[in-house]
């Protein structure tokens, strides 16, 4: 019996497919991946990592390609880059080992959500409150003690991973124009258009749609508004001696309520689109972890809105524990979950802005 040929690694498969794409060049007008790809004649490992992080998995190139199956080249560039992207984020993560668990396992993400929520339920039950509003259920000092290390350590871990990536792809000193170009591309999700103003092909095969771009935008801006809400509350508490709860016409609520709505709606739409999409055009091994993370975002926004709606009722204590548990999970898994891809992608856009500058 003949031995089967060894399976190519994600890096080897990405290199094979990128070389064919670089010879064909049909997709030159598509997303940022292709101008970056066509600027090279050969591809080092770091070059392939940069291309993988630039890819937004819109899948437009796949449906335009003449070399997909049943052609003998069997190109599936979105999947090849998705597999490499997932592998690189696991390889670059610090501390190592956790990224593979959370990116590839929806069970692990669900367990983290359950554990985070349980911890906060226990905290609410065991630690006395010391103030009005939800501080009557869990004191401000207890919240600070729980969330400060849960926020700072993951940020430090993510910083280490991003530094590793930046050095690997040859990123040097950046300028204001580099940051402007990268920020504009990230804020508008330009590369989710697949090079066509009509949108991408993520959930509708060979038909264009803006649905994924809109859902991504809603989730991204919702998350940023929620973060700004928390930051404004911190400023009011410490600089103006104005502790929570806050009225609706105050920065924390004016930022947090729309943010929660956008985050919930955007993440829910992303989950629905993911169920409708072809899993073979992404990283199949990471599908469960990605879906679990998307649901974590959705439930975080939804529980925050429910907590606000329940103000003054007996539901505040359990909803507070559930919401803070989900937020705790979001923070603690930040460097190793799907959340990290947003930071890596921005770094890739920043590196691409460097490449394009004279």
Protein backbone atom coordinates (compact mmCIF):
# COMPACT_ATOMS: atom_id res chain seq x y z
CA UNK A 1 0.00 0.00 0.00
CA UNK A 2 1.44 3.36 -1.00
CA UNK A 3 1.94 5.97 1.70
CA UNK A 4 -0.20 9.07 1.32
CA UNK A 5 1.75 12.27 0.66
CA UNK A 6 2.25 14.40 3.76
CA UNK A 7 -0.26 17.18 4.31
CA UNK A 8 1.17 20.63 3.64
CA UNK A 9 1.45 22.99 6.58
CA UNK A 10 -0.59 26.23 6.47
CA UNK A 11 2.60 28.11 5.63
CA UNK A 12 3.51 25.77 2.77
CA UNK A 13 -0.01 25.80 1.34
CA UNK A 14 -0.23 29.58 1.56
CA UNK A 15 3.09 29.89 -0.26
CA UNK A 16 1.94 27.52 -3.03
CA UNK A 17 -1.27 29.40 -3.63
CA UNK A 18 0.25 32.87 -3.38
CA UNK A 19 2.85 31.98 -6.02
CA UNK A 20 0.07 30.97 -8.44
CA UNK A 21 -1.90 34.14 -7.67
CA UNK A 22 1.22 36.23 -8.18
CA UNK A 23 1.65 34.73 -11.65
CA UNK A 24 -2.01 35.17 -12.63
CA UNK A 25 -2.70 38.66 -11.23
CA UNK A 26 -6.36 38.63 -12.25
CA UNK A 27 -7.40 39.99 -8.82
CA UNK A 28 -5.11 43.03 -8.92
CA UNK A 29 -7.99 45.42 -8.26
CA UNK A 30 -9.24 43.57 -5.21
CA UNK A 31 -8.41 44.13 -1.52
CA UNK A 32 -5.07 45.23 -0.01
CA UNK A 33 -3.74 41.66 -0.13
CA UNK A 34 -3.13 41.70 -3.87
CA UNK A 35 -1.20 44.99 -4.35
CA UNK A 36 0.99 43.89 -1.44
CA UNK A 37 1.39 40.42 -2.95
CA UNK A 38 2.19 41.73 -6.43
CA UNK A 39 4.89 44.04 -5.07
CA UNK A 40 7.03 40.94 -4.36
CA UNK A 41 8.77 38.37 -6.55
CA UNK A 42 9.38 35.86 -3.77
CA UNK A 43 7.71 35.24 -0.43
CA UNK A 44 9.51 34.84 2.87
CA UNK A 45 7.59 33.46 5.84
CA UNK A 46 7.10 36.98 7.19
CA UNK A 47 5.68 38.15 3.83
CA UNK A 48 3.05 35.42 3.97
CA UNK A 49 2.19 36.33 7.57
CA UNK A 50 1.64 39.94 6.48
CA UNK A 51 -0.64 38.87 3.63
CA UNK A 52 -2.61 36.59 5.95
CA UNK A 53 -3.25 39.41 8.42
CA UNK A 54 -4.24 41.80 5.63
CA UNK A 55 -6.89 39.37 4.36
CA UNK A 56 -10.42 40.21 5.57
CA UNK A 57 -11.85 36.91 4.28
CA UNK A 58 -14.40 38.66 2.04
CA UNK A 59 -14.01 35.74 -0.43
CA UNK A 60 -14.52 37.81 -3.55
CA UNK A 61 -11.25 36.54 -5.02
CA UNK A 62 -12.35 32.93 -4.61
CA UNK A 63 -15.51 33.36 -6.67
CA UNK A 64 -13.61 35.27 -9.35
CA UNK A 65 -10.80 32.70 -9.58
CA UNK A 66 -10.51 30.34 -12.55
CA UNK A 67 -8.17 27.99 -10.66
CA UNK A 68 -10.45 26.82 -7.86
CA UNK A 69 -11.63 23.21 -7.74
CA UNK A 70 -12.14 21.22 -9.91
CA UNK A 71 -9.04 22.77 -11.50
CA UNK A 72 -5.89 20.86 -10.62
CA UNK A 73 -4.44 23.92 -8.85
CA UNK A 74 -7.36 23.74 -6.39
CA UNK A 75 -6.89 27.30 -5.15
CA UNK A 76 -8.75 28.40 -2.05
CA UNK A 77 -6.85 31.52 -1.05
CA UNK A 78 -9.32 32.73 1.64
CA UNK A 79 -9.01 29.42 3.50
CA UNK A 80 -5.24 29.21 3.05
CA UNK A 81 -4.72 32.69 4.47
CA UNK A 82 -7.28 32.10 7.24
CA UNK A 83 -5.45 28.95 8.37
CA UNK A 84 -2.12 30.75 8.34
CA UNK A 85 -3.59 33.74 10.15
CA UNK A 86 -4.93 31.53 12.92
CA UNK A 87 -1.65 29.63 13.18
CA UNK A 88 0.40 32.84 13.34
CA UNK A 89 -1.71 34.35 16.09
CA UNK A 90 -1.29 31.16 18.10
CA UNK A 91 2.46 31.10 17.43
CA UNK A 92 2.98 34.76 18.33
CA UNK A 93 0.75 34.76 21.41
CA UNK A 94 2.16 35.24 24.89
CA UNK A 95 1.99 33.29 27.13
CA UNK A 96 1.98 30.51 24.56
CA UNK A 97 -0.55 27.70 24.62
CA UNK A 98 -3.73 29.58 25.49
CA UNK A 99 -4.38 31.02 22.03
CA UNK A 100 -4.83 27.61 20.43
CA UNK A 101 -7.33 26.61 23.09
CA UNK A 102 -9.56 29.65 22.73
CA UNK A 103 -9.28 30.17 18.96
CA UNK A 104 -10.06 26.59 18.05
CA UNK A 105 -12.55 25.52 20.69
CA UNK A 106 -16.02 26.89 21.22
CA UNK A 107 -16.23 24.64 24.28
CA UNK A 108 -13.25 26.42 25.84
CA UNK A 109 -14.82 29.83 25.19
CA UNK A 110 -18.12 28.64 26.65
CA UNK A 111 -16.30 27.29 29.71
CA UNK A 112 -14.52 30.63 30.11
CA UNK A 113 -17.86 32.46 29.92
CA UNK A 114 -19.37 30.15 32.53
CA UNK A 115 -16.35 30.50 34.82
CA UNK A 116 -16.25 34.29 34.51
CA UNK A 117 -19.96 34.58 35.24
CA UNK A 118 -19.71 32.21 38.20
CA UNK A 119 -16.84 34.23 39.68
CA UNK A 120 -18.89 37.42 39.55
CA UNK A 121 -21.98 35.71 40.98
CA UNK A 122 -19.86 34.59 43.92
CA UNK A 123 -18.37 38.06 44.28
CA UNK A 124 -21.78 39.72 44.32
CA UNK A 125 -23.01 37.23 46.91
CA UNK A 126 -19.95 37.41 49.15
CA UNK A 127 -18.67 40.99 48.93
CA UNK A 128 -20.82 43.75 50.48
CA UNK A 129 -21.78 46.85 48.57
CA UNK A 130 -20.81 50.35 49.66
CA UNK A 131 -22.85 52.82 47.66
CA UNK A 132 -25.88 53.62 45.49
CA UNK A 133 -26.98 51.82 42.35
CA UNK A 134 -25.11 48.65 41.49
CA UNK A 135 -22.45 49.59 44.06
CA UNK A 136 -25.00 48.46 46.64
CA UNK A 137 -24.48 44.92 45.29
CA UNK A 138 -20.73 45.01 44.63
CA UNK A 139 -18.49 47.74 46.01
CA UNK A 140 -16.43 50.01 43.82
CA UNK A 141 -13.25 48.79 45.55
CA UNK A 142 -14.13 45.18 44.74
CA UNK A 143 -14.77 46.02 41.07
CA UNK A 144 -11.43 47.80 40.82
CA UNK A 145 -9.63 44.88 42.48
CA UNK A 146 -11.22 42.38 40.08
CA UNK A 147 -11.07 44.26 36.79
CA UNK A 148 -7.79 46.20 36.95
CA UNK A 149 -5.51 43.13 36.69
CA UNK A 150 -8.03 41.43 34.37
CA UNK A 151 -7.65 44.39 31.99
CA UNK A 152 -3.96 45.29 32.30
CA UNK A 153 -2.39 41.84 32.06
CA UNK A 154 -4.19 40.85 28.82
CA UNK A 155 -3.17 44.20 27.30
CA UNK A 156 0.44 43.50 28.23
CA UNK A 157 0.21 40.01 26.73
CA UNK A 158 -1.30 41.40 23.52
CA UNK A 159 1.43 44.04 23.33
CA UNK A 160 4.11 41.33 23.47
CA UNK A 161 2.40 39.40 20.63
CA UNK A 162 2.07 42.51 18.47
CA UNK A 163 5.72 43.43 19.04
CA UNK A 164 6.71 39.96 17.87
CA UNK A 165 4.59 40.36 14.75
CA UNK A 166 5.88 43.86 14.00
CA UNK A 167 9.49 42.78 14.22
CA UNK A 168 8.83 39.67 12.14
CA UNK A 169 7.27 41.58 9.23
CA UNK A 170 9.99 44.23 9.30
CA UNK A 171 7.89 47.09 10.59
CA UNK A 172 9.97 50.17 11.34
CA UNK A 173 9.24 53.66 12.57
CA UNK A 174 5.83 54.96 11.59
CA UNK A 175 4.67 58.42 10.65
CA UNK A 176 1.43 60.28 11.19
CA UNK A 177 0.44 59.60 7.58
CA UNK A 178 0.90 55.84 8.12
CA UNK A 179 -1.42 55.95 11.12
CA UNK A 180 -3.92 58.08 9.22
CA UNK A 181 -4.06 55.69 6.26
CA UNK A 182 -4.30 52.57 8.46
CA UNK A 183 -6.95 54.15 10.69
CA UNK A 184 -9.06 55.19 7.70
CA UNK A 185 -8.91 51.68 6.23
CA UNK A 186 -9.82 50.14 9.59
CA UNK A 187 -12.60 52.62 10.41
CA UNK A 188 -14.32 52.22 7.04
CA UNK A 189 -13.55 48.50 6.66
CA UNK A 190 -12.50 49.34 3.13
CA UNK A 191 -11.08 45.88 2.48
CA UNK A 192 -14.40 44.18 3.17
CA UNK A 193 -15.59 45.56 -0.15
CA UNK A 194 -13.43 43.02 -1.97
CA UNK A 195 -12.25 45.73 -4.33
CA UNK A 196 -15.80 46.40 -5.51
CA UNK A 197 -18.09 49.07 -4.13
CA UNK A 198 -20.92 46.50 -4.15
CA UNK A 199 -19.52 44.65 -1.12
CA UNK A 200 -18.09 41.18 -0.55
CA UNK A 201 -19.20 37.60 -1.15
CA UNK A 202 -19.04 36.21 2.37
CA UNK A 203 -22.54 34.84 2.81
CA UNK A 204 -24.04 34.92 -0.67
CA UNK A 205 -21.64 32.94 -2.82
CA UNK A 206 -20.98 34.75 -6.05
CA UNK A 207 -23.35 37.60 -5.24
CA UNK A 208 -22.18 40.86 -3.68
CA UNK A 209 -23.50 42.04 -0.32
CA UNK A 210 -22.67 44.80 2.18
CA UNK A 211 -24.22 42.85 5.07
CA UNK A 212 -20.96 41.66 6.62
CA UNK A 213 -19.36 45.09 6.33
CA UNK A 214 -22.32 46.70 8.08
CA UNK A 215 -22.40 44.03 10.80
CA UNK A 216 -18.66 44.38 11.40
CA UNK A 217 -18.97 48.16 11.55
CA UNK A 218 -21.83 47.96 14.05
CA UNK A 219 -19.95 45.55 16.31
CA UNK A 220 -16.69 47.51 16.10
CA UNK A 221 -18.20 50.92 16.79
CA UNK A 222 -20.49 49.45 19.43
CA UNK A 223 -17.51 48.01 21.29
CA UNK A 224 -15.60 51.30 21.04
CA UNK A 225 -18.61 53.27 22.32
CA UNK A 226 -19.00 50.88 25.25
CA UNK A 227 -15.31 51.26 26.06
CA UNK A 228 -15.65 55.05 25.83
CA UNK A 229 -18.66 54.84 28.16
CA UNK A 230 -16.61 53.01 30.78
CA UNK A 231 -13.71 55.44 30.34
CA UNK A 232 -16.00 58.46 30.77
CA UNK A 233 -17.47 56.92 33.91
CA UNK A 234 -13.97 56.46 35.30
CA UNK A 235 -13.16 60.12 34.57
CA UNK A 236 -16.38 61.31 36.22
CA UNK A 237 -15.74 59.12 39.28
CA UNK A 238 -12.12 60.08 39.93
CA UNK A 239 -11.77 63.59 38.52
CA UNK A 240 -15.21 65.01 39.24
CA UNK A 241 -16.13 62.94 42.30
CA UNK A 242 -19.32 61.85 40.55
CA UNK A 243 -19.89 58.13 41.15
CA UNK A 244 -22.45 55.94 39.38
CA UNK A 245 -25.37 55.64 38.80
CA UNK A 246 -25.58 58.23 36.05
CA UNK A 247 -28.68 59.77 34.45
CA UNK A 248 -29.46 59.07 30.84
CA UNK A 249 -28.24 62.51 29.72
CA UNK A 250 -24.67 61.86 30.84
CA UNK A 251 -21.62 60.65 28.85
CA UNK A 252 -21.62 57.09 30.24
CA UNK A 253 -25.24 56.51 29.19
CA UNK A 254 -25.19 58.52 25.96
CA UNK A 255 -22.21 56.45 24.86
CA UNK A 256 -23.07 53.14 26.49
CA UNK A 257 -26.69 52.65 25.41
CA UNK A 258 -26.11 53.20 21.66
CA UNK A 259 -22.88 51.23 22.02
CA UNK A 260 -24.69 48.30 23.60
CA UNK A 261 -27.35 48.31 20.88
CA UNK A 262 -24.75 48.40 18.09
CA UNK A 263 -22.59 45.73 19.71
CA UNK A 264 -25.53 43.37 20.26
CA UNK A 265 -27.03 43.86 16.81
CA UNK A 266 -23.69 43.72 15.00
CA UNK A 267 -22.46 40.58 16.77
CA UNK A 268 -25.81 38.83 16.32
CA UNK A 269 -25.75 39.64 12.59
CA UNK A 270 -22.18 38.34 12.31
CA UNK A 271 -23.22 35.07 13.96
CA UNK A 272 -26.12 34.65 11.52
CA UNK A 273 -23.88 35.42 8.53
CA UNK A 274 -21.29 32.96 9.76
CA UNK A 275 -23.93 30.23 9.88
CA UNK A 276 -24.94 31.05 6.30
CA UNK A 277 -21.39 31.18 4.94
CA UNK A 278 -19.32 28.35 3.47
CA UNK A 279 -17.06 27.15 6.30
CA UNK A 280 -14.62 25.65 3.76
CA UNK A 281 -13.61 29.17 2.70
CA UNK A 282 -12.32 30.00 6.16
CA UNK A 283 -10.32 28.25 8.85
CA UNK A 284 -12.50 25.26 9.67
CA UNK A 285 -10.43 24.41 12.75
CA UNK A 286 -11.09 27.86 14.22
CA UNK A 287 -14.81 28.01 13.38
CA UNK A 288 -16.08 26.96 16.81
CA UNK A 289 -13.88 29.38 18.74
CA UNK A 290 -14.76 32.24 16.41
CA UNK A 291 -18.49 31.60 16.73
CA UNK A 292 -18.27 31.35 20.51
CA UNK A 293 -16.41 34.66 20.67
CA UNK A 294 -18.99 36.35 18.45
CA UNK A 295 -21.73 35.14 20.79
CA UNK A 296 -19.72 36.39 23.78
CA UNK A 297 -19.72 39.87 22.23
CA UNK A 298 -23.47 39.64 21.60
CA UNK A 299 -24.30 38.50 25.14
CA UNK A 300 -22.02 41.14 26.65
CA UNK A 301 -23.89 43.92 24.89
CA UNK A 302 -27.30 42.36 25.55
CA UNK A 303 -26.66 41.83 29.26
CA UNK A 304 -25.51 45.45 29.63
CA UNK A 305 -28.73 46.71 28.04
CA UNK A 306 -30.79 44.36 30.21
CA UNK A 307 -29.00 45.62 33.32
CA UNK A 308 -29.80 49.22 32.42
CA UNK A 309 -33.44 48.35 31.71
CA UNK A 310 -33.72 46.56 35.09
CA UNK A 311 -32.57 49.58 37.13
CA UNK A 312 -34.41 49.71 40.45
CA UNK A 313 -35.73 46.14 40.30
CA UNK A 314 -34.76 42.88 42.02
CA UNK A 315 -33.15 41.74 38.79
CA UNK A 316 -30.21 44.11 39.17
CA UNK A 317 -28.06 41.76 41.30
CA UNK A 318 -28.21 38.69 39.01
CA UNK A 319 -27.96 40.76 35.84
CA UNK A 320 -25.00 42.68 37.27
CA UNK A 321 -23.21 39.41 38.03
CA UNK A 322 -23.97 38.02 34.56
CA UNK A 323 -22.90 41.19 32.74
CA UNK A 324 -19.69 41.68 34.69
CA UNK A 325 -18.90 37.96 34.30
CA UNK A 326 -19.16 38.28 30.52
CA UNK A 327 -17.05 41.45 30.54
CA UNK A 328 -14.46 39.67 32.70
CA UNK A 329 -14.34 36.80 30.20
CA UNK A 330 -13.97 39.25 27.31
CA UNK A 331 -11.02 40.93 29.00
CA UNK A 332 -9.26 37.77 30.18
CA UNK A 333 -9.42 36.06 26.77
CA UNK A 334 -8.50 39.23 24.84
CA UNK A 335 -4.95 38.24 23.71
CA UNK A 336 -5.86 34.66 22.77
CA UNK A 337 -9.37 34.80 21.30
CA UNK A 338 -10.73 36.08 18.00
CA UNK A 339 -10.56 39.57 19.54
CA UNK A 340 -6.81 39.65 18.94
CA UNK A 341 -7.32 39.53 15.17
CA UNK A 342 -8.52 43.15 15.15
CA UNK A 343 -5.25 44.36 16.65
CA UNK A 344 -3.14 42.20 14.33
CA UNK A 345 -5.13 43.41 11.35
CA UNK A 346 -4.58 47.04 12.25
CA UNK A 347 -0.85 46.33 12.59
CA UNK A 348 -0.92 44.73 9.13
CA UNK A 349 -2.70 47.79 7.68
CA UNK A 350 -0.09 50.02 9.33
CA UNK A 351 2.72 47.95 7.82
CA UNK A 352 1.01 48.10 4.43
CA UNK A 353 0.78 51.89 4.71
CA UNK A 354 4.55 51.87 5.22
CA UNK A 355 5.01 49.74 2.12
CA UNK A 356 3.00 52.15 -0.02
CA UNK A 357 4.71 55.31 1.23
CA UNK A 358 7.57 56.72 -0.89
